[in-house]
Amino acid sequence: MAARRQPRQRGLSAGREPRRFALDQNFPQPVLDTLEEYLRAEAELVPLARIDPRLVEGVDDWQIVLSLHQRGGWDGLITTDTGMLSLPRELAVLMQTKLTLVVAEEAGHDPLRATGLVLLHLPNVCRQTTSVKPQIWRLRAPRGQRHIEPWAELERVADHQNDDARSLYTRGKLSTADLARDPLNDAR
């Protein structure tokens, strides 16, 4: 059995402690628990319920922000609740506490999509988060990306190689027999 590969440290947190963010209840904790060792150098992401179960029992969002501030050691809150961005009290308390609010927008009610958005932007958010200035990060997903036709990609490669796509295809394609053969049986 092969040795388990250690996660590569990205070095983005060089010279500083990892950031600490509280997560609202809309993020799939088993997924984040699995990724914890990969995120360790960058950030600690802790569900609100683990910080204090009362934080998920019908308290207002401004109360969550204030509670994190009063506890100390928290850089901010990560949420999917875009409604916070329209509430004057929440915004005022955020500014007073100088915490960072990260909102995974346009994730709908899809916790995996929201998690992906956070993971994609987390290194940049962590690098720019500071305890002297409040911040809001509105994380957005790319709009409906369309697929790429393989032939168009082959034409791009051909252009780069000063060749034509048909010639590259002819040289690269497999015979009917090779398409039917299991490549793993030949690998030994």
Protein backbone atom coordinates (compact mmCIF):
# COMPACT_ATOMS: atom_id res chain seq x y z
CA MET A 1 0.00 0.00 0.00
CA ALA A 2 1.38 3.41 -0.99
CA ALA A 3 2.23 5.92 1.72
CA ARG A 4 -0.34 8.63 2.18
CA ARG A 5 0.79 11.83 0.52
CA GLN A 6 1.02 14.83 2.79
CA PRO A 7 -0.82 17.97 1.72
CA ARG A 8 1.37 20.55 0.05
CA GLN A 9 1.66 23.74 2.03
CA ARG A 10 0.88 26.70 -0.17
CA GLY A 11 2.88 29.14 1.91
CA LEU A 12 0.28 31.89 1.63
CA SER A 13 0.20 32.34 5.38
CA ALA A 14 3.97 32.76 5.70
CA GLY A 15 4.80 34.53 8.93
CA ARG A 16 1.27 34.68 10.33
CA GLU A 17 -1.21 32.51 12.12
CA PRO A 18 -4.00 30.96 10.06
CA ARG A 19 -7.17 33.03 9.92
CA ARG A 20 -10.15 31.90 12.00
CA PHE A 21 -13.59 32.10 10.46
CA ALA A 22 -16.92 30.98 11.83
CA LEU A 23 -19.15 29.15 9.35
CA ASP A 24 -22.92 29.36 9.28
CA GLN A 25 -24.89 26.12 9.25
CA ASN A 26 -25.23 25.99 5.44
CA PHE A 27 -21.82 24.42 4.81
CA PRO A 28 -21.40 20.61 4.75
CA GLN A 29 -19.21 19.92 7.74
CA PRO A 30 -18.11 16.39 6.69
CA VAL A 31 -16.62 17.87 3.49
CA LEU A 32 -14.81 20.62 5.39
CA ASP A 33 -13.60 18.17 8.05
CA THR A 34 -12.04 16.09 5.26
CA LEU A 35 -10.23 19.15 3.88
CA GLU A 36 -9.10 20.45 7.28
CA GLU A 37 -5.49 19.29 6.98
CA TYR A 38 -5.20 20.97 3.57
CA LEU A 39 -6.62 24.23 4.88
CA ARG A 40 -4.70 24.25 8.16
CA ALA A 41 -1.95 26.66 7.07
CA GLU A 42 -4.51 29.04 5.58
CA ALA A 43 -7.55 29.10 7.82
CA GLU A 44 -9.49 27.41 10.54
CA LEU A 45 -13.16 27.12 9.57
CA VAL A 46 -15.37 26.40 12.57
CA PRO A 47 -19.15 25.88 12.45
CA LEU A 48 -21.13 28.28 14.61
CA ALA A 49 -22.67 25.37 16.51
CA ARG A 50 -19.20 24.20 17.61
CA ILE A 51 -18.35 27.67 18.89
CA ASP A 52 -21.56 27.93 20.86
CA PRO A 53 -24.83 26.07 20.08
CA ARG A 54 -26.78 29.23 20.97
CA LEU A 55 -25.37 30.94 17.87
CA VAL A 56 -27.67 28.85 15.65
CA GLU A 57 -30.78 29.14 17.80
CA GLY A 58 -32.62 32.07 16.27
CA VAL A 59 -30.24 34.90 17.12
CA ASP A 60 -29.93 37.85 14.76
CA ASP A 61 -26.92 38.03 12.48
CA TRP A 62 -25.58 41.15 14.20
CA GLN A 63 -25.59 39.21 17.47
CA ILE A 64 -23.46 36.48 15.86
CA VAL A 65 -20.95 39.08 14.64
CA LEU A 66 -20.86 40.76 18.03
CA SER A 67 -20.46 37.45 19.85
CA LEU A 68 -17.50 36.47 17.65
CA HIS A 69 -15.90 39.86 18.32
CA GLN A 70 -16.41 39.61 22.08
CA ARG A 71 -14.92 36.12 22.22
CA GLY A 72 -11.75 37.36 20.52
CA GLY A 73 -9.57 35.46 18.11
CA TRP A 74 -12.08 35.44 15.25
CA ASP A 75 -11.38 37.08 11.92
CA GLY A 76 -14.93 36.89 10.65
CA LEU A 77 -17.99 34.99 9.53
CA ILE A 78 -18.57 32.99 6.35
CA THR A 79 -22.20 32.68 5.30
CA THR A 80 -24.59 32.16 2.41
CA ASP A 81 -27.02 34.70 3.90
CA THR A 82 -26.95 37.55 1.38
CA GLY A 83 -29.73 39.23 3.36
CA MET A 84 -27.11 40.41 5.86
CA LEU A 85 -25.83 42.80 3.21
CA SER A 86 -29.13 44.71 3.31
CA LEU A 87 -29.46 45.08 7.08
CA PRO A 88 -28.18 48.36 8.56
CA ARG A 89 -27.61 46.98 12.07
CA GLU A 90 -25.60 44.01 10.76
CA LEU A 91 -23.45 46.29 8.61
CA ALA A 92 -22.97 48.79 11.44
CA VAL A 93 -21.90 46.09 13.90
CA LEU A 94 -19.56 44.61 11.30
CA MET A 95 -17.91 48.02 10.90
CA GLN A 96 -17.68 48.53 14.67
CA THR A 97 -16.10 45.13 15.28
CA LYS A 98 -13.78 45.30 12.24
CA LEU A 99 -14.52 41.69 11.36
CA THR A 100 -14.61 40.24 7.86
CA LEU A 101 -17.89 39.02 6.37
CA VAL A 102 -17.60 36.49 3.55
CA VAL A 103 -20.84 35.87 1.65
CA ALA A 104 -21.07 33.04 -0.87
CA GLU A 105 -23.52 34.66 -3.27
CA GLU A 106 -25.35 32.96 -6.09
CA ALA A 107 -24.85 29.56 -4.52
CA GLY A 108 -28.59 29.24 -4.06
CA HIS A 109 -29.37 26.53 -1.57
CA ASP A 110 -26.51 24.36 -2.84
CA PRO A 111 -24.07 23.82 0.04
CA LEU A 112 -21.45 22.19 -2.18
CA ARG A 113 -21.45 25.13 -4.58
CA ALA A 114 -21.13 27.53 -1.64
CA THR A 115 -18.25 25.48 -0.24
CA GLY A 116 -16.53 25.49 -3.62
CA LEU A 117 -16.83 29.27 -3.83
CA VAL A 118 -15.33 29.68 -0.37
CA LEU A 119 -12.47 27.29 -1.08
CA LEU A 120 -11.70 29.02 -4.37
CA HIS A 121 -11.50 32.48 -2.79
CA LEU A 122 -10.21 31.55 0.67
CA PRO A 123 -6.47 32.13 0.03
CA ASN A 124 -7.09 35.66 -1.23
CA VAL A 125 -9.55 36.45 1.55
CA CYS A 126 -7.07 35.21 4.17
CA ARG A 127 -4.20 37.20 2.67
CA GLN A 128 -6.19 40.43 2.70
CA THR A 129 -8.08 40.06 5.97
CA THR A 130 -6.87 42.44 8.66
CA SER A 131 -7.98 43.16 12.20
CA VAL A 132 -7.87 46.93 11.67
CA LYS A 133 -10.36 47.23 8.84
CA PRO A 134 -13.78 45.60 8.36
CA GLN A 135 -14.30 43.86 5.04
CA ILE A 136 -17.08 42.29 3.02
CA TRP A 137 -16.29 39.66 0.41
CA ARG A 138 -19.11 38.85 -2.04
CA LEU A 139 -18.10 35.57 -3.64
CA ARG A 140 -19.76 34.88 -6.97
CA ALA A 141 -19.76 31.85 -9.18
CA PRO A 142 -18.87 32.21 -12.84
CA ARG A 143 -21.92 32.56 -15.05
CA GLY A 144 -23.01 29.46 -16.99
CA GLN A 145 -19.76 28.41 -18.54
CA ARG A 146 -20.24 26.44 -21.72
CA HIS A 147 -18.28 23.40 -22.81
CA ILE A 148 -15.50 23.54 -25.38
CA GLU A 149 -15.73 21.45 -28.52
CA PRO A 150 -12.77 19.03 -28.59
CA TRP A 151 -12.22 19.74 -32.30
CA ALA A 152 -11.85 23.46 -31.58
CA GLU A 153 -9.29 22.65 -28.88
CA LEU A 154 -7.41 20.38 -31.29
CA GLU A 155 -7.38 23.24 -33.82
CA ARG A 156 -5.88 25.50 -31.14
CA VAL A 157 -3.15 22.92 -30.47
CA ALA A 158 -2.53 22.53 -34.21
CA ASP A 159 -2.16 26.29 -34.62
CA HIS A 160 0.34 26.35 -31.77
CA GLN A 161 2.33 23.53 -33.40
CA ASN A 162 2.09 25.00 -36.90
CA ASP A 163 0.17 21.95 -38.06
CA ASP A 164 -3.41 21.22 -39.06
CA ALA A 165 -6.01 19.61 -36.83
CA ARG A 166 -6.85 16.78 -39.23
CA SER A 167 -3.18 15.64 -39.32
CA LEU A 168 -2.91 15.76 -35.53
CA TYR A 169 -6.13 13.80 -35.20
CA THR A 170 -4.97 11.17 -37.69
CA ARG A 171 -1.64 10.72 -35.88
CA GLY A 172 -3.23 10.69 -32.42
CA LYS A 173 -6.33 8.54 -32.92
CA LEU A 174 -6.48 4.89 -31.93
CA SER A 175 -7.34 1.99 -34.18
CA THR A 176 -10.64 0.17 -33.66
CA ALA A 177 -8.73 -2.71 -32.05
CA ASP A 178 -6.90 -0.32 -29.67
CA LEU A 179 -10.20 1.28 -28.68
CA ALA A 180 -11.52 -2.16 -27.67
CA ARG A 181 -8.38 -3.21 -25.71
CA ASP A 182 -8.12 -2.50 -21.97
CA PRO A 183 -5.09 -0.20 -21.62
CA LEU A 184 -4.50 -1.37 -18.04
CA ASN A 185 -3.86 -4.94 -19.19
CA ASP A 186 -1.05 -3.69 -21.43
CA ALA A 187 0.47 -1.47 -18.75
CA ARG A 188 2.15 -4.33 -16.88
